[in-house]
């Protein structure tokens, strides 16, 4: 996915990955830093303005194709925090 502005990145993230992360998928991987940035920002904003639902994590990997930006979440349970790291690749 190629986006040229934060507006495009915001529209793309809010139309799919933002609503699916934590429910259908536990993470999102992209080569576009703007998409990762918007997803982290919106997920953190959601946790700040309401009861936190997820812990938000980020990471990146260098590959031959470029940098892979990773964003993943773990649910905050009623009795504490469940911290699960994704499998190392």
N, C-alpha and C. Protein backbone atom coordinates (compact mmCIF):
# COMPACT_ATOMS: atom_id res chain seq x y z
N UNK A 1 0.84 -1.18 0.00
CA UNK A 1 0.00 0.00 0.00
C UNK A 1 0.88 1.23 0.00
N UNK A 2 0.64 2.12 -0.91
CA UNK A 2 1.41 3.35 -1.00
C UNK A 2 0.49 4.53 -0.70
N UNK A 3 0.89 5.33 0.28
CA UNK A 3 0.15 6.55 0.60
C UNK A 3 1.13 7.72 0.57
N UNK A 4 0.63 8.88 0.20
CA UNK A 4 1.48 10.05 0.05
C UNK A 4 1.26 11.11 1.12
N UNK A 5 0.27 10.92 1.97
CA UNK A 5 -0.01 11.94 2.99
C UNK A 5 -0.60 11.27 4.23
N UNK A 6 -0.55 12.02 5.34
CA UNK A 6 -1.16 11.51 6.57
C UNK A 6 -2.67 11.37 6.42
N UNK A 7 -3.27 12.23 5.62
CA UNK A 7 -4.72 12.12 5.40
C UNK A 7 -5.05 10.77 4.76
N UNK A 8 -4.31 10.40 3.72
CA UNK A 8 -4.53 9.10 3.07
C UNK A 8 -4.26 7.96 4.04
N UNK A 9 -3.18 8.08 4.81
CA UNK A 9 -2.85 7.04 5.79
C UNK A 9 -3.96 6.90 6.82
N UNK A 10 -4.48 8.03 7.29
CA UNK A 10 -5.55 8.00 8.29
C UNK A 10 -6.80 7.35 7.72
N UNK A 11 -7.17 7.71 6.50
CA UNK A 11 -8.35 7.11 5.86
C UNK A 11 -8.18 5.60 5.71
N UNK A 12 -7.01 5.16 5.30
CA UNK A 12 -6.75 3.73 5.10
C UNK A 12 -6.81 2.97 6.43
N UNK A 13 -6.12 3.47 7.44
CA UNK A 13 -6.07 2.79 8.73
C UNK A 13 -7.44 2.76 9.39
N UNK A 14 -8.17 3.87 9.36
CA UNK A 14 -9.47 3.93 10.02
C UNK A 14 -10.53 3.11 9.30
N UNK A 15 -10.32 2.80 8.03
CA UNK A 15 -11.31 2.01 7.29
C UNK A 15 -11.13 0.51 7.48
N UNK A 16 -10.06 0.08 8.13
CA UNK A 16 -9.86 -1.36 8.27
C UNK A 16 -9.03 -1.75 9.47
N UNK A 17 -7.71 -1.61 9.39
CA UNK A 17 -6.84 -2.13 10.44
C UNK A 17 -7.15 -1.63 11.84
N UNK A 18 -7.52 -0.38 12.00
CA UNK A 18 -7.82 0.16 13.33
C UNK A 18 -8.97 -0.59 13.99
N UNK A 19 -9.99 -0.93 13.22
CA UNK A 19 -11.15 -1.63 13.77
C UNK A 19 -10.92 -3.12 13.92
N UNK A 20 -9.92 -3.66 13.24
CA UNK A 20 -9.69 -5.10 13.26
C UNK A 20 -8.60 -5.52 14.24
N UNK A 21 -7.63 -4.64 14.52
CA UNK A 21 -6.53 -5.01 15.39
C UNK A 21 -7.04 -5.23 16.81
N UNK A 22 -6.68 -6.34 17.37
CA UNK A 22 -7.15 -6.70 18.70
C UNK A 22 -8.40 -7.55 18.70
N UNK A 23 -9.10 -7.59 17.58
CA UNK A 23 -10.33 -8.37 17.48
C UNK A 23 -10.16 -9.49 16.46
N UNK A 24 -9.86 -9.16 15.22
CA UNK A 24 -9.62 -10.18 14.19
C UNK A 24 -8.15 -10.55 14.11
N UNK A 25 -7.29 -9.58 14.35
CA UNK A 25 -5.84 -9.78 14.26
C UNK A 25 -5.18 -9.18 15.48
N UNK A 26 -4.01 -9.69 15.85
CA UNK A 26 -3.32 -9.10 16.99
C UNK A 26 -2.23 -8.13 16.57
N UNK A 27 -2.01 -7.99 15.25
CA UNK A 27 -0.97 -7.07 14.81
C UNK A 27 -1.13 -6.65 13.36
N UNK A 28 -0.26 -5.72 12.98
CA UNK A 28 -0.27 -5.17 11.63
C UNK A 28 1.17 -4.92 11.23
N UNK A 29 1.55 -5.34 10.03
CA UNK A 29 2.90 -5.14 9.51
C UNK A 29 2.79 -4.39 8.19
N UNK A 30 3.62 -3.37 8.03
CA UNK A 30 3.61 -2.56 6.82
C UNK A 30 5.01 -2.05 6.52
N UNK A 31 5.24 -1.70 5.27
CA UNK A 31 6.50 -1.05 4.89
C UNK A 31 6.35 0.46 4.88
N UNK A 32 5.15 0.96 5.10
CA UNK A 32 4.89 2.39 5.07
C UNK A 32 4.86 2.95 6.49
N UNK A 33 5.80 3.82 6.81
CA UNK A 33 5.90 4.34 8.16
C UNK A 33 4.69 5.20 8.54
N UNK A 34 4.06 5.85 7.56
CA UNK A 34 2.90 6.68 7.87
C UNK A 34 1.72 5.83 8.35
N UNK A 35 1.52 4.66 7.74
CA UNK A 35 0.44 3.77 8.18
C UNK A 35 0.69 3.31 9.61
N UNK A 36 1.92 2.91 9.91
CA UNK A 36 2.25 2.47 11.27
C UNK A 36 2.07 3.61 12.26
N UNK A 37 2.52 4.79 11.89
CA UNK A 37 2.41 5.96 12.76
C UNK A 37 0.95 6.26 13.11
N UNK A 38 0.10 6.28 12.11
CA UNK A 38 -1.32 6.59 12.34
C UNK A 38 -1.96 5.51 13.21
N UNK A 39 -1.64 4.25 12.97
CA UNK A 39 -2.23 3.16 13.76
C UNK A 39 -1.80 3.26 15.22
N UNK A 40 -0.54 3.54 15.48
CA UNK A 40 -0.06 3.69 16.86
C UNK A 40 -0.72 4.90 17.51
N UNK A 41 -0.77 6.01 16.80
CA UNK A 41 -1.37 7.23 17.35
C UNK A 41 -2.83 7.00 17.72
N UNK A 42 -3.61 6.46 16.79
CA UNK A 42 -5.04 6.26 17.04
C UNK A 42 -5.29 5.24 18.15
N UNK A 43 -4.49 4.18 18.20
CA UNK A 43 -4.65 3.17 19.25
C UNK A 43 -4.31 3.76 20.62
N UNK A 44 -3.26 4.57 20.69
CA UNK A 44 -2.89 5.21 21.95
C UNK A 44 -3.93 6.24 22.35
N UNK A 45 -4.44 6.99 21.38
CA UNK A 45 -5.48 7.98 21.65
C UNK A 45 -6.74 7.31 22.21
N UNK A 46 -7.12 6.17 21.63
CA UNK A 46 -8.29 5.43 22.12
C UNK A 46 -8.07 5.00 23.57
N UNK A 47 -6.89 4.51 23.90
CA UNK A 47 -6.60 4.09 25.27
C UNK A 47 -6.56 5.26 26.24
N UNK A 48 -6.19 6.43 25.77
CA UNK A 48 -6.08 7.61 26.63
C UNK A 48 -7.45 8.22 26.91
N UNK A 49 -8.33 8.21 25.94
CA UNK A 49 -9.63 8.87 26.08
C UNK A 49 -10.74 7.96 26.59
N UNK A 50 -10.45 6.70 26.79
CA UNK A 50 -11.44 5.78 27.35
C UNK A 50 -10.68 4.76 28.19
N UNK A 51 -11.40 3.81 28.73
CA UNK A 51 -10.73 2.76 29.49
C UNK A 51 -9.80 1.99 28.57
N UNK A 52 -8.54 1.81 28.98
CA UNK A 52 -7.60 1.08 28.12
C UNK A 52 -8.08 -0.33 27.82
N UNK A 53 -8.10 -0.68 26.54
CA UNK A 53 -8.49 -2.02 26.13
C UNK A 53 -7.30 -2.87 25.74
N UNK A 54 -6.25 -2.23 25.23
CA UNK A 54 -5.09 -2.96 24.72
C UNK A 54 -3.80 -2.26 25.11
N UNK A 55 -2.76 -3.06 25.27
CA UNK A 55 -1.41 -2.51 25.34
C UNK A 55 -0.89 -2.47 23.92
N UNK A 56 -0.28 -1.38 23.54
CA UNK A 56 0.18 -1.19 22.16
C UNK A 56 1.70 -1.33 22.13
N UNK A 57 2.20 -2.15 21.21
CA UNK A 57 3.63 -2.38 21.05
C UNK A 57 4.05 -2.05 19.63
N UNK A 58 5.30 -1.68 19.48
CA UNK A 58 5.85 -1.42 18.14
C UNK A 58 7.24 -2.02 18.03
N UNK A 59 7.63 -2.29 16.79
CA UNK A 59 8.97 -2.79 16.50
C UNK A 59 9.20 -2.61 15.01
N UNK A 60 10.40 -2.86 14.58
CA UNK A 60 10.70 -2.81 13.15
C UNK A 60 11.80 -3.82 12.83
N UNK A 61 11.83 -4.25 11.60
CA UNK A 61 12.85 -5.16 11.09
C UNK A 61 13.40 -4.61 9.80
N UNK A 62 14.71 -4.73 9.63
CA UNK A 62 15.34 -4.38 8.36
C UNK A 62 15.32 -5.59 7.45
N UNK A 63 14.85 -5.42 6.24
CA UNK A 63 14.83 -6.50 5.25
C UNK A 63 15.45 -5.98 3.95
N UNK A 64 15.59 -6.86 2.99
CA UNK A 64 16.12 -6.44 1.69
C UNK A 64 15.19 -5.45 1.00
N UNK A 65 13.90 -5.59 1.24
CA UNK A 65 12.92 -4.71 0.61
C UNK A 65 12.81 -3.36 1.30
N UNK A 66 13.33 -3.25 2.50
CA UNK A 66 13.22 -2.01 3.27
C UNK A 66 12.91 -2.32 4.72
N UNK A 67 12.35 -1.36 5.40
CA UNK A 67 12.01 -1.53 6.81
C UNK A 67 10.57 -2.01 6.93
N UNK A 68 10.36 -3.05 7.76
CA UNK A 68 9.01 -3.52 8.08
C UNK A 68 8.64 -2.95 9.44
N UNK A 69 7.59 -2.18 9.49
CA UNK A 69 7.10 -1.60 10.74
C UNK A 69 6.01 -2.51 11.29
N UNK A 70 6.13 -2.86 12.58
CA UNK A 70 5.19 -3.79 13.21
C UNK A 70 4.46 -3.09 14.35
N UNK A 71 3.16 -3.26 14.39
CA UNK A 71 2.33 -2.75 15.47
C UNK A 71 1.48 -3.92 15.94
N UNK A 72 1.48 -4.21 17.24
CA UNK A 72 0.62 -5.27 17.74
C UNK A 72 0.09 -4.88 19.11
N UNK A 73 -0.97 -5.54 19.50
CA UNK A 73 -1.64 -5.22 20.76
C UNK A 73 -1.89 -6.50 21.55
N UNK A 74 -2.00 -6.32 22.86
CA UNK A 74 -2.45 -7.40 23.74
C UNK A 74 -3.57 -6.83 24.60
N UNK A 75 -4.59 -7.63 24.86
CA UNK A 75 -5.72 -7.12 25.65
C UNK A 75 -5.34 -6.91 27.11
N UNK A 76 -5.94 -5.90 27.69
CA UNK A 76 -5.81 -5.66 29.12
C UNK A 76 -6.97 -6.42 29.77
N UNK A 77 -6.66 -7.40 30.59
CA UNK A 77 -7.72 -8.20 31.21
C UNK A 77 -8.27 -7.49 32.45
N UNK A 78 -9.36 -7.98 32.94
CA UNK A 78 -10.01 -7.37 34.11
C UNK A 78 -9.18 -7.55 35.38
N UNK A 79 -8.36 -8.61 35.45
CA UNK A 79 -7.59 -8.87 36.66
C UNK A 79 -6.14 -8.43 36.55
N UNK A 80 -5.72 -8.00 35.41
CA UNK A 80 -4.34 -7.57 35.24
C UNK A 80 -4.00 -7.44 33.78
N UNK A 81 -2.75 -7.47 33.51
CA UNK A 81 -2.27 -7.28 32.15
C UNK A 81 -1.74 -8.60 31.63
N UNK A 82 -2.21 -8.99 30.45
CA UNK A 82 -1.67 -10.16 29.78
C UNK A 82 -0.68 -9.67 28.75
N UNK A 83 0.58 -10.00 28.94
CA UNK A 83 1.59 -9.54 27.99
C UNK A 83 2.08 -10.71 27.18
N UNK A 84 1.84 -10.65 25.89
CA UNK A 84 2.24 -11.71 24.98
C UNK A 84 3.03 -11.08 23.86
N UNK A 85 4.25 -11.54 23.68
CA UNK A 85 5.09 -11.03 22.60
C UNK A 85 4.88 -11.88 21.36
N UNK A 86 4.89 -11.25 20.19
CA UNK A 86 4.75 -12.04 18.96
C UNK A 86 5.99 -12.91 18.76
N UNK A 87 5.83 -13.95 18.00
CA UNK A 87 6.95 -14.84 17.74
C UNK A 87 8.04 -14.08 17.01
N UNK A 88 9.28 -14.34 17.41
CA UNK A 88 10.40 -13.70 16.74
C UNK A 88 10.56 -14.31 15.36
N UNK A 89 10.78 -13.46 14.36
CA UNK A 89 10.93 -13.97 13.00
C UNK A 89 12.37 -13.94 12.57
